[in-house]
Amino acid sequence: MGKKRRSIVILSVSAGAGHMRAAAALRSAFREDNPEREVIILDTFKYACPLLEKLVLGTYMEMLRITPAVYGYIYSRSEKGQLLSGYAKHEFNKILSKFSAARLLNFIGRHNPETVVCTHPFPLGVLSSIRREGKLDCLTVGVVTDFIIHPYWVFPEVDLYLVGAERLAGDLIEFGIPAARVHAAGIPIDPSFAAPADPKKVLADYNLDPGQVTILVMGGGLGLGPLAESVETLGRLDRRCQLIVVTGSNTQLRKKLERMVPGLPNRVCVLGYVDNVHRIMLASSIMISKAGGLSCAEAMAAGLPLFIVDPLPGQEERNSQFLTSTGAAVAVAGVHELVEKIVQCLEHPAMLREMSAAASRIGRPDAARDSVRIIKKFQEDYHAGH
């Protein structure tokens, strides 16, 4: 008799921060459910094939930074089944599997997990190839971390898919995945988003005025987009407001903003990496951000009206389209239109209230816990049948 399975392995990829943050949120929820359970997060390609990581992810990052329109074109074509789907997707996954399957299979064998969860499509593809060859016997779960279903997420070997919204469940079913295997749990965000916060105390902690409109500005890890220009323009706005700017690991951007802030009439609080983003979001009135899946899911969970500036082609553009269609977000082209839309909302507070209500309707602060609950049910059914 084999050793009892107690662990959960979560496979992710550090392409941007969102996939790893979703993995961390799931780990927190699994440990909260059972503190004795071992939950391992693996940065898959960094472990299994560093050379492939540099080649594939390096190309992806440089394309986003230098030629985002080219990436958008490739993404759009593959979305329509013209690239990286069918035979091409199969060949791409064969290459990924050839370079990374052996080490990955060895890692999974050492930990003997009852479930393997993927928060990125690349390891999910490798896992599916291993499954097709009959070398993997455990529950496999795909957790989609954007508000879009792209063909590169779709593999018939996957036992369970968790998606961000009901509409996306329907999209995945249209790709041929049985409805019983698809659940709209929400994009997993840190369970702390379900905890209440006192906005007045949060703002007081940052020496900000609880009586003023607070605009939260976040730029993502890459610091792409006109973030500094947005802060400077809003900082000079002739309508009273205050800004919190979170620069994350982008120290260059943080230093630039800190030099700028003393000359602005409106109060601006510049922060680097923070571990209480849920409290800051719950204390804010408006959020300006990129359209990364995790950041958007967090804003929705906080009921926070979202303004998206120049979304990057590809996933961000699709996230933006989804959220604007719900009424929770506004997409703008450039800083001039951003300021115009924000001034309009400041002059008509009912618009912000409507956006906040729309965000709350689709927000899922308990998405990570709900995901764990669904996975546990599928674990029981899987192991009962094996």
Protein backbone atom coordinates (compact mmCIF):
# COMPACT_ATOMS: atom_id res chain seq x y z
CA MET A 1 0.00 0.00 0.00
CA GLY A 2 1.40 3.44 -1.00
CA LYS A 3 1.96 6.22 1.43
CA LYS A 4 -1.08 8.28 2.34
CA ARG A 5 -1.48 11.39 0.19
CA ARG A 6 -1.66 14.56 2.23
CA SER A 7 -0.09 17.22 0.05
CA ILE A 8 -1.33 19.69 -2.54
CA VAL A 9 1.05 20.79 -5.30
CA ILE A 10 0.33 24.13 -6.99
CA LEU A 11 2.12 24.71 -10.28
CA SER A 12 2.52 28.30 -11.43
CA VAL A 13 4.81 30.50 -13.51
CA SER A 14 6.30 33.88 -12.57
CA ALA A 15 5.16 35.67 -15.75
CA GLY A 16 4.02 38.86 -14.09
CA ALA A 17 2.92 38.53 -10.47
CA GLY A 18 -0.71 37.46 -10.84
CA HIS A 19 -0.32 33.72 -11.41
CA MET A 20 1.93 33.32 -8.36
CA ARG A 21 -0.37 35.51 -6.24
CA ALA A 22 -3.32 33.28 -7.15
CA ALA A 23 -1.22 30.28 -6.10
CA ALA A 24 -0.37 31.96 -2.78
CA ALA A 25 -4.04 32.77 -2.16
CA LEU A 26 -4.98 29.12 -2.70
CA ARG A 27 -2.19 27.97 -0.38
CA SER A 28 -3.50 30.31 2.35
CA ALA A 29 -7.03 28.94 1.93
CA PHE A 30 -5.84 25.31 1.94
CA ARG A 31 -3.83 25.89 5.12
CA GLU A 32 -6.71 27.73 6.73
CA ASP A 33 -8.93 24.73 6.00
CA ASN A 34 -6.35 22.25 7.32
CA PRO A 35 -3.18 23.62 9.01
CA GLU A 36 -1.55 20.17 8.84
CA ARG A 37 -1.86 19.87 5.08
CA GLU A 38 1.37 20.35 3.13
CA VAL A 39 0.88 22.83 0.27
CA ILE A 40 3.78 23.34 -2.12
CA ILE A 41 3.96 26.10 -4.75
CA LEU A 42 6.37 25.43 -7.59
CA ASP A 43 7.56 28.09 -10.04
CA THR A 44 7.39 25.40 -12.69
CA PHE A 45 9.74 26.45 -15.45
CA LYS A 46 12.29 27.99 -13.12
CA TYR A 47 12.53 24.53 -11.53
CA ALA A 48 11.94 22.21 -14.47
CA CYS A 49 13.73 24.02 -17.27
CA PRO A 50 15.44 27.38 -16.57
CA LEU A 51 16.57 27.63 -20.21
CA LEU A 52 13.00 27.33 -21.47
CA GLU A 53 11.87 29.88 -18.89
CA LYS A 54 14.37 32.42 -20.20
CA LEU A 55 13.44 31.71 -23.80
CA VAL A 56 9.62 31.64 -23.54
CA LEU A 57 8.97 34.06 -20.68
CA GLY A 58 11.84 36.35 -21.64
CA THR A 59 10.38 36.69 -25.13
CA TYR A 60 6.91 37.28 -23.66
CA MET A 61 8.09 40.02 -21.30
CA GLU A 62 10.18 41.80 -23.92
CA MET A 63 7.30 41.68 -26.39
CA LEU A 64 4.98 43.30 -23.84
CA ARG A 65 7.57 45.94 -23.05
CA ILE A 66 8.73 46.80 -26.57
CA THR A 67 6.08 45.66 -29.07
CA PRO A 68 2.79 45.06 -27.24
CA ALA A 69 0.84 45.36 -30.50
CA VAL A 70 2.65 42.32 -31.90
CA TYR A 71 1.79 40.30 -28.80
CA GLY A 72 -1.82 41.49 -29.10
CA TYR A 73 -1.93 40.33 -32.72
CA ILE A 74 -0.60 36.87 -31.83
CA TYR A 75 -3.01 36.62 -28.90
CA SER A 76 -6.00 37.62 -31.01
CA ARG A 77 -5.13 35.20 -33.82
CA SER A 78 -4.65 32.31 -31.41
CA GLU A 79 -7.93 33.21 -29.71
CA LYS A 80 -9.68 32.62 -33.04
CA GLY A 81 -8.05 29.24 -33.48
CA GLN A 82 -5.50 30.43 -36.02
CA LEU A 83 -2.35 30.04 -33.92
CA LEU A 84 -1.38 27.91 -30.90
CA SER A 85 -4.53 25.84 -31.12
CA GLY A 86 -5.24 22.47 -32.66
CA TYR A 87 -2.08 20.97 -34.16
CA ALA A 88 0.07 24.02 -33.35
CA LYS A 89 -0.94 24.01 -29.68
CA HIS A 90 -0.25 20.28 -29.54
CA GLU A 91 3.24 20.78 -31.00
CA PHE A 92 3.96 23.68 -28.62
CA ASN A 93 3.00 21.54 -25.61
CA LYS A 94 5.13 18.68 -26.92
CA ILE A 95 8.13 21.01 -26.85
CA LEU A 96 7.27 22.20 -23.32
CA SER A 97 6.81 18.60 -22.16
CA LYS A 98 10.05 17.40 -23.74
CA PHE A 99 12.07 19.95 -21.79
CA SER A 100 10.21 19.94 -18.48
CA ALA A 101 8.07 16.79 -18.04
CA ALA A 102 10.73 14.49 -16.57
CA ARG A 103 11.81 16.83 -13.74
CA LEU A 104 8.21 17.85 -13.08
CA LEU A 105 7.06 14.24 -12.89
CA ASN A 106 9.94 13.48 -10.51
CA PHE A 107 8.93 16.42 -8.29
CA ILE A 108 5.28 15.31 -8.21
CA GLY A 109 6.34 11.72 -7.47
CA ARG A 110 8.40 12.84 -4.45
CA HIS A 111 5.47 14.73 -2.93
CA ASN A 112 2.78 12.19 -3.92
CA PRO A 113 0.00 14.84 -3.94
CA GLU A 114 -3.69 14.09 -3.79
CA THR A 115 -4.23 17.08 -6.12
CA VAL A 116 -2.16 19.16 -8.53
CA VAL A 117 -3.48 22.67 -9.19
CA CYS A 118 -2.23 24.89 -12.06
CA THR A 119 -2.63 28.67 -12.05
CA HIS A 120 -0.89 29.06 -15.42
CA PRO A 121 -1.72 27.32 -18.72
CA PHE A 122 1.86 26.23 -19.56
CA PRO A 123 2.28 23.74 -16.68
CA LEU A 124 -1.34 22.69 -17.22
CA GLY A 125 -0.40 21.71 -20.77
CA VAL A 126 2.62 19.73 -19.56
CA LEU A 127 0.49 18.06 -16.91
CA SER A 128 -2.10 17.10 -19.52
CA SER A 129 0.60 15.52 -21.71
CA ILE A 130 1.83 13.48 -18.74
CA ARG A 131 -1.77 12.48 -18.00
CA ARG A 132 -2.33 11.34 -21.61
CA GLU A 133 0.68 9.05 -21.30
CA GLY A 134 -0.83 7.45 -18.17
CA LYS A 135 2.00 8.66 -15.90
CA LEU A 136 -0.09 10.75 -13.52
CA ASP A 137 -2.78 9.51 -11.15
CA CYS A 138 -4.15 12.39 -9.11
CA LEU A 139 -6.81 15.06 -9.40
CA THR A 140 -5.77 17.84 -11.81
CA VAL A 141 -7.23 21.34 -11.52
CA GLY A 142 -6.89 24.36 -13.83
CA VAL A 143 -7.48 27.77 -12.22
CA VAL A 144 -8.01 30.46 -14.87
CA THR A 145 -6.60 33.78 -13.64
CA ASP A 146 -8.14 36.19 -16.17
CA PHE A 147 -11.69 37.19 -17.11
CA ILE A 148 -11.30 35.43 -20.46
CA ILE A 149 -11.06 31.82 -21.63
CA HIS A 150 -8.28 31.44 -24.19
CA PRO A 151 -7.78 28.17 -26.12
CA TYR A 152 -4.35 27.70 -24.56
CA TRP A 153 -6.10 26.90 -21.24
CA VAL A 154 -8.23 24.11 -22.72
CA PHE A 155 -7.21 20.47 -22.21
CA PRO A 156 -9.72 17.59 -22.06
CA GLU A 157 -7.54 15.67 -19.56
CA VAL A 158 -8.12 18.24 -16.78
CA ASP A 159 -10.53 17.00 -14.08
CA LEU A 160 -11.74 20.39 -12.82
CA TYR A 161 -11.68 23.98 -14.04
CA LEU A 162 -12.25 26.97 -11.78
CA VAL A 163 -13.09 30.26 -13.52
CA GLY A 164 -13.70 33.86 -12.52
CA ALA A 165 -17.39 34.30 -13.43
CA GLU A 166 -20.47 32.39 -14.60
CA ARG A 167 -20.19 33.80 -18.12
CA LEU A 168 -16.70 32.31 -18.41
CA ALA A 169 -17.97 28.90 -17.36
CA GLY A 170 -20.22 28.97 -20.41
CA ASP A 171 -17.27 29.91 -22.61
CA LEU A 172 -15.23 26.95 -21.35
CA ILE A 173 -18.15 24.58 -21.92
CA GLU A 174 -18.33 25.86 -25.52
CA PHE A 175 -14.73 24.70 -25.91
CA GLY A 176 -15.93 21.16 -25.17
CA ILE A 177 -15.22 20.82 -21.45
CA PRO A 178 -18.15 19.00 -19.73
CA ALA A 179 -20.28 21.34 -17.60
CA ALA A 180 -19.82 19.11 -14.52
CA ARG A 181 -16.08 19.87 -14.59
CA VAL A 182 -16.45 23.67 -14.68
CA HIS A 183 -17.19 25.85 -11.64
CA ALA A 184 -17.30 29.65 -11.34
CA ALA A 185 -15.52 30.11 -8.00
CA GLY A 186 -13.95 33.47 -8.83
CA ILE A 187 -10.27 34.27 -9.38
CA PRO A 188 -8.48 33.28 -6.14
CA ILE A 189 -7.37 36.34 -4.20
CA ASP A 190 -5.96 36.54 -0.69
CA PRO A 191 -8.62 35.44 1.84
CA SER A 192 -7.96 38.68 3.78
CA PHE A 193 -10.17 40.48 1.22
CA ALA A 194 -13.16 38.96 3.01
CA ALA A 195 -12.12 40.61 6.30
CA PRO A 196 -13.65 44.01 7.19
CA ALA A 197 -11.51 47.14 7.38
CA ASP A 198 -12.05 50.55 9.00
CA PRO A 199 -11.45 53.08 6.16
CA LYS A 200 -11.01 55.99 8.57
CA LYS A 201 -8.29 54.20 10.51
CA VAL A 202 -6.51 53.06 7.34
CA LEU A 203 -6.42 56.60 5.94
CA ALA A 204 -5.36 58.06 9.28
CA ASP A 205 -2.45 55.59 9.37
CA TYR A 206 -1.19 57.21 6.15
CA ASN A 207 -1.87 60.75 7.37
CA LEU A 208 -4.72 61.13 4.88
CA ASP A 209 -8.11 62.83 5.31
CA PRO A 210 -11.01 60.36 5.79
CA GLY A 211 -13.39 63.02 4.46
CA GLN A 212 -11.77 63.29 1.02
CA VAL A 213 -12.14 61.18 -2.10
CA THR A 214 -9.18 58.78 -2.14
CA ILE A 215 -7.83 57.63 -5.49
CA LEU A 216 -5.69 54.48 -5.42
CA VAL A 217 -3.16 54.21 -8.25
CA MET A 218 -1.45 50.88 -8.96
CA GLY A 219 0.91 50.18 -11.84
CA GLY A 220 1.79 46.50 -11.64
CA GLY A 221 5.26 45.02 -11.35
CA LEU A 222 6.44 46.19 -14.76
CA GLY A 223 5.38 49.78 -14.17
CA LEU A 224 4.01 49.99 -17.69
CA GLY A 225 1.67 52.76 -18.79
CA PRO A 226 1.55 56.50 -18.01
CA LEU A 227 1.51 56.07 -14.25
CA ALA A 228 3.77 59.00 -13.32
CA GLU A 229 1.92 61.32 -15.69
CA SER A 230 -1.43 60.22 -14.21
CA VAL A 231 -0.23 60.94 -10.66
CA GLU A 232 1.14 64.36 -11.59
CA THR A 233 -2.04 65.41 -13.41
CA LEU A 234 -4.38 64.18 -10.67
CA GLY A 235 -2.10 65.71 -8.03
CA ARG A 236 -2.69 69.10 -9.69
CA LEU A 237 -6.44 68.60 -10.12
CA ASP A 238 -8.43 71.64 -9.01
CA ARG A 239 -10.97 69.38 -7.29
CA ARG A 240 -10.06 68.19 -3.83
CA CYS A 241 -8.89 64.62 -3.71
CA GLN A 242 -5.95 62.61 -2.38
CA LEU A 243 -3.92 59.80 -3.88
CA ILE A 244 -2.34 56.59 -2.66
CA VAL A 245 0.19 55.22 -5.14
CA VAL A 246 1.47 51.64 -4.79
CA THR A 247 4.58 51.01 -6.88
CA GLY A 248 5.28 47.45 -5.71
CA SER A 249 8.82 46.33 -6.54
CA ASN A 250 9.38 49.19 -9.01
CA THR A 251 11.85 51.22 -6.93
CA GLN A 252 12.78 53.47 -9.85
CA LEU A 253 9.15 54.57 -10.22
CA ARG A 254 8.81 55.06 -6.48
CA LYS A 255 11.85 57.37 -6.34
CA LYS A 256 10.58 59.36 -9.32
CA LEU A 257 7.19 59.87 -7.66
CA GLU A 258 8.71 60.79 -4.29
CA ARG A 259 10.67 63.56 -6.00
CA MET A 260 7.48 64.78 -7.71
CA VAL A 261 5.04 64.70 -4.78
CA PRO A 262 6.23 67.72 -2.71
CA GLY A 263 5.33 70.08 -5.57
CA LEU A 264 1.74 68.86 -5.95
CA PRO A 265 -1.21 70.70 -4.34
CA ASN A 266 -3.21 67.53 -3.66
CA ARG A 267 -1.89 65.13 -1.06
CA VAL A 268 -0.14 62.04 -2.47
CA CYS A 269 1.06 59.08 -0.42
CA VAL A 270 3.66 56.97 -2.28
CA LEU A 271 4.13 53.36 -1.13
CA GLY A 272 6.38 50.57 -2.38
CA TYR A 273 5.54 46.94 -1.66
CA VAL A 274 2.61 46.60 0.77
CA ASP A 275 1.17 43.58 2.55
CA ASN A 276 -2.18 45.20 3.36
CA VAL A 277 -3.47 46.01 -0.11
CA HIS A 278 -6.93 44.71 0.86
CA ARG A 279 -7.22 47.38 3.60
CA ILE A 280 -6.00 50.10 1.24
CA MET A 281 -8.51 49.07 -1.44
CA LEU A 282 -11.38 48.95 1.05
CA ALA A 283 -10.46 52.48 2.20
CA SER A 284 -10.26 53.94 -1.34
CA SER A 285 -12.99 55.54 -3.46
CA ILE A 286 -11.54 54.95 -6.94
CA MET A 287 -8.83 52.71 -8.33
CA ILE A 288 -6.64 53.37 -11.38
CA SER A 289 -4.78 50.30 -12.53
CA LYS A 290 -3.61 48.00 -15.26
CA ALA A 291 -6.08 45.26 -16.18
CA GLY A 292 -4.25 42.25 -14.76
CA GLY A 293 -6.64 39.49 -13.71
CA LEU A 294 -5.66 39.45 -10.02
CA SER A 295 -5.68 43.23 -9.57
CA CYS A 296 -9.09 43.44 -11.21
CA ALA A 297 -10.46 40.59 -9.09
CA GLU A 298 -9.19 42.33 -5.94
CA ALA A 299 -10.82 45.63 -6.95
CA MET A 300 -14.13 43.87 -7.59
CA ALA A 301 -13.93 42.09 -4.22
CA ALA A 302 -13.45 45.49 -2.56
CA GLY A 303 -16.39 47.00 -4.51
CA LEU A 304 -13.95 49.52 -5.95
CA PRO A 305 -14.79 51.48 -9.15
CA LEU A 306 -11.98 50.73 -11.59
CA PHE A 307 -10.43 53.01 -14.22
CA ILE A 308 -8.17 51.17 -16.68
CA VAL A 309 -5.65 53.26 -18.62
CA ASP A 310 -4.38 51.94 -21.97
CA PRO A 311 -4.86 48.20 -21.30
CA LEU A 312 -2.16 46.08 -22.90
CA PRO A 313 -3.24 44.04 -25.93
CA GLY A 314 -4.10 40.44 -25.10
CA GLN A 315 -5.35 39.33 -21.69
CA GLU A 316 -5.55 42.86 -20.26
CA GLU A 317 -7.63 44.09 -23.16
CA ARG A 318 -10.03 41.15 -22.69
CA ASN A 319 -10.20 41.69 -18.92
CA SER A 320 -11.00 45.34 -19.60
CA GLN A 321 -13.76 44.45 -22.07
CA PHE A 322 -15.33 42.02 -19.59
CA LEU A 323 -15.30 44.46 -16.66
CA THR A 324 -16.54 47.46 -18.63
CA SER A 325 -19.43 45.32 -19.91
CA THR A 326 -20.54 44.79 -16.28
CA GLY A 327 -20.49 48.53 -15.48
CA ALA A 328 -17.79 48.09 -12.82
CA ALA A 329 -14.96 49.61 -14.85
CA VAL A 330 -14.19 52.37 -17.33
CA ALA A 331 -11.42 51.96 -19.92
CA VAL A 332 -9.71 55.15 -21.06
CA ALA A 333 -7.14 56.00 -23.72
CA GLY A 334 -4.47 58.16 -22.13
CA VAL A 335 -4.23 60.50 -19.18
CA HIS A 336 -6.39 63.29 -20.64
CA GLU A 337 -9.42 61.00 -20.96
CA LEU A 338 -8.70 59.47 -17.53
CA VAL A 339 -8.84 62.87 -15.82
CA GLU A 340 -11.93 63.83 -17.79
CA LYS A 341 -13.78 60.68 -16.67
CA ILE A 342 -12.68 61.00 -13.04
CA VAL A 343 -13.75 64.65 -12.86
CA GLN A 344 -17.12 63.61 -14.32
CA CYS A 345 -17.51 61.01 -11.56
CA LEU A 346 -16.44 63.44 -8.84
CA GLU A 347 -19.09 65.87 -10.05
CA HIS A 348 -21.72 63.09 -10.18
CA PRO A 349 -21.12 60.79 -7.17
CA ALA A 350 -24.05 58.57 -8.22
CA MET A 351 -21.87 57.30 -11.08
CA LEU A 352 -19.27 56.04 -8.60
CA ARG A 353 -21.97 54.44 -6.44
CA GLU A 354 -23.32 52.58 -9.49
CA MET A 355 -19.85 51.38 -10.45
CA SER A 356 -19.17 50.26 -6.89
CA ALA A 357 -22.45 48.30 -6.79
CA ALA A 358 -21.59 46.64 -10.12
CA ALA A 359 -18.14 45.69 -8.79
CA SER A 360 -19.65 44.20 -5.64
CA ARG A 361 -22.06 42.11 -7.72
CA ILE A 362 -19.23 40.29 -9.48
CA GLY A 363 -16.64 40.55 -6.71
CA ARG A 364 -15.78 37.31 -4.92
CA PRO A 365 -13.74 38.04 -1.78
CA ASP A 366 -14.05 34.39 -0.73
CA ALA A 367 -12.92 33.00 -4.10
CA ALA A 368 -9.88 31.17 -2.66
CA ARG A 369 -11.93 29.53 0.10
CA ASP A 370 -14.70 28.62 -2.37
CA SER A 371 -12.08 27.13 -4.70
CA VAL A 372 -10.72 24.95 -1.89
CA ARG A 373 -14.24 23.80 -0.97
CA ILE A 374 -14.93 22.74 -4.57
CA ILE A 375 -11.52 21.05 -4.94
CA LYS A 376 -12.10 19.05 -1.74
CA LYS A 377 -15.43 17.78 -3.08
CA PHE A 378 -13.78 16.73 -6.33
CA GLN A 379 -10.97 15.06 -4.36
CA GLU A 380 -13.51 12.91 -2.54
CA ASP A 381 -15.24 11.93 -5.78
CA TYR A 382 -11.94 11.30 -7.59
CA HIS A 383 -10.48 9.06 -4.93
CA ALA A 384 -13.78 7.22 -4.47
CA GLY A 385 -13.60 6.32 -8.16
CA HIS A 386 -9.94 5.23 -8.10
